[in-house]
Amino acid sequence: MEIAGSLNAIGYGLASIGGGIGVGLIFAAYMTSVARQPESQRTLQPMLFMGFAVVEALAILGLVLAFIVG
């Protein structure tokens, strides 16, 4: 029995799960903290988007590396 296909796609698929979990945790923590202290929204929102951008950049980097190596 032979395995046909690219292992890069499987690797990127597993890596994208990590990005999805990271984004979910970031937004869950933001919503919890704003629900507890609504006045802190202006302070926390820039940090929310910075964390989101970093997690998504790492996921895109994984996609690029999957294409380069493959």
C-alpha atoms as a PDB file:
ATOM      1  CA  MET A   1       0.000   0.000   0.000  1.00  0.00           C
ATOM      2  CA  GLU A   2       1.482   3.310  -1.114  1.00  0.00           C
ATOM      3  CA  ILE A   3       0.778   6.735   0.276  1.00  0.00           C
ATOM      4  CA  ALA A   4       0.278   9.209  -2.544  1.00  0.00           C
ATOM      5  CA  GLY A   5       0.118  12.953  -2.082  1.00  0.00           C
ATOM      6  CA  SER A   6       2.030  15.643  -0.345  1.00  0.00           C
ATOM      7  CA  LEU A   7       2.856  15.567   3.324  1.00  0.00           C
ATOM      8  CA  ASN A   8       3.206  19.351   3.169  1.00  0.00           C
ATOM      9  CA  ALA A   9      -0.558  19.691   2.895  1.00  0.00           C
ATOM     10  CA  ILE A  10      -1.056  17.514   5.962  1.00  0.00           C
ATOM     11  CA  GLY A  11       1.540  19.513   7.881  1.00  0.00           C
ATOM     12  CA  TYR A  12      -0.049  22.826   6.989  1.00  0.00           C
ATOM     13  CA  GLY A  13      -3.482  21.487   7.855  1.00  0.00           C
ATOM     14  CA  LEU A  14      -2.255  20.573  11.319  1.00  0.00           C
ATOM     15  CA  ALA A  15      -0.524  23.944  11.687  1.00  0.00           C
ATOM     16  CA  SER A  16      -3.691  25.823  10.753  1.00  0.00           C
ATOM     17  CA  ILE A  17      -5.503  24.111  13.625  1.00  0.00           C
ATOM     18  CA  GLY A  18      -3.054  25.805  15.981  1.00  0.00           C
ATOM     19  CA  GLY A  19      -3.782  29.198  14.433  1.00  0.00           C
ATOM     20  CA  GLY A  20      -7.511  28.642  14.798  1.00  0.00           C
ATOM     21  CA  ILE A  21      -7.160  27.702  18.446  1.00  0.00           C
ATOM     22  CA  GLY A  22      -4.939  30.735  19.062  1.00  0.00           C
ATOM     23  CA  VAL A  23      -7.425  33.157  17.508  1.00  0.00           C
ATOM     24  CA  GLY A  24     -10.253  31.590  19.485  1.00  0.00           C
ATOM     25  CA  LEU A  25      -8.363  31.967  22.761  1.00  0.00           C
ATOM     26  CA  ILE A  26      -7.456  35.587  22.009  1.00  0.00           C
ATOM     27  CA  PHE A  27     -11.039  36.614  21.268  1.00  0.00           C
ATOM     28  CA  ALA A  28     -12.427  34.611  24.212  1.00  0.00           C
ATOM     29  CA  ALA A  29     -10.052  36.355  26.614  1.00  0.00           C
ATOM     30  CA  TYR A  30     -10.940  39.748  25.143  1.00  0.00           C
ATOM     31  CA  MET A  31     -14.680  39.189  25.436  1.00  0.00           C
ATOM     32  CA  THR A  32     -14.342  37.922  28.992  1.00  0.00           C
ATOM     33  CA  SER A  33     -12.244  40.881  30.094  1.00  0.00           C
ATOM     34  CA  VAL A  34     -14.528  43.450  28.427  1.00  0.00           C
ATOM     35  CA  ALA A  35     -17.592  41.783  29.954  1.00  0.00           C
ATOM     36  CA  ARG A  36     -16.026  42.156  33.394  1.00  0.00           C
ATOM     37  CA  GLN A  37     -14.749  45.700  32.890  1.00  0.00           C
ATOM     38  CA  PRO A  38     -16.410  47.493  29.954  1.00  0.00           C
ATOM     39  CA  GLU A  39     -14.377  50.662  30.537  1.00  0.00           C
ATOM     40  CA  SER A  40     -11.185  48.806  29.591  1.00  0.00           C
ATOM     41  CA  GLN A  41     -12.314  48.214  26.000  1.00  0.00           C
ATOM     42  CA  ARG A  42     -10.322  51.121  24.542  1.00  0.00           C
ATOM     43  CA  THR A  43      -7.151  49.851  26.199  1.00  0.00           C
ATOM     44  CA  LEU A  44      -7.590  46.200  25.260  1.00  0.00           C
ATOM     45  CA  GLN A  45      -8.761  46.528  21.655  1.00  0.00           C
ATOM     46  CA  PRO A  46      -5.355  47.466  20.163  1.00  0.00           C
ATOM     47  CA  MET A  47      -3.778  44.531  21.994  1.00  0.00           C
ATOM     48  CA  LEU A  48      -6.513  42.266  20.619  1.00  0.00           C
ATOM     49  CA  PHE A  49      -5.757  43.203  17.030  1.00  0.00           C
ATOM     50  CA  MET A  50      -1.998  42.961  17.559  1.00  0.00           C
ATOM     51  CA  GLY A  51      -2.329  39.439  18.949  1.00  0.00           C
ATOM     52  CA  PHE A  52      -4.690  38.487  16.132  1.00  0.00           C
ATOM     53  CA  ALA A  53      -2.235  39.815  13.541  1.00  0.00           C
ATOM     54  CA  VAL A  54       0.682  37.881  15.032  1.00  0.00           C
ATOM     55  CA  VAL A  55      -1.240  34.595  15.116  1.00  0.00           C
ATOM     56  CA  GLU A  56      -2.477  35.035  11.552  1.00  0.00           C
ATOM     57  CA  ALA A  57       1.003  36.019  10.336  1.00  0.00           C
ATOM     58  CA  LEU A  58       2.386  32.789  11.743  1.00  0.00           C
ATOM     59  CA  ALA A  59      -0.355  30.803   9.987  1.00  0.00           C
ATOM     60  CA  ILE A  60       0.406  32.536   6.670  1.00  0.00           C
ATOM     61  CA  LEU A  61       4.122  31.901   7.198  1.00  0.00           C
ATOM     62  CA  GLY A  62       3.312  28.201   7.606  1.00  0.00           C
ATOM     63  CA  LEU A  63       1.402  28.265   4.307  1.00  0.00           C
ATOM     64  CA  VAL A  64       4.324  29.923   2.513  1.00  0.00           C
ATOM     65  CA  LEU A  65       6.788  27.420   3.929  1.00  0.00           C
ATOM     66  CA  ALA A  66       4.533  24.565   2.826  1.00  0.00           C
ATOM     67  CA  PHE A  67       4.731  25.874  -0.755  1.00  0.00           C
ATOM     68  CA  ILE A  68       8.480  26.539  -0.619  1.00  0.00           C
ATOM     69  CA  VAL A  69       9.431  23.134   0.773  1.00  0.00           C
ATOM     70  CA  GLY A  70       6.938  21.260  -1.409  1.00  0.00           C
END
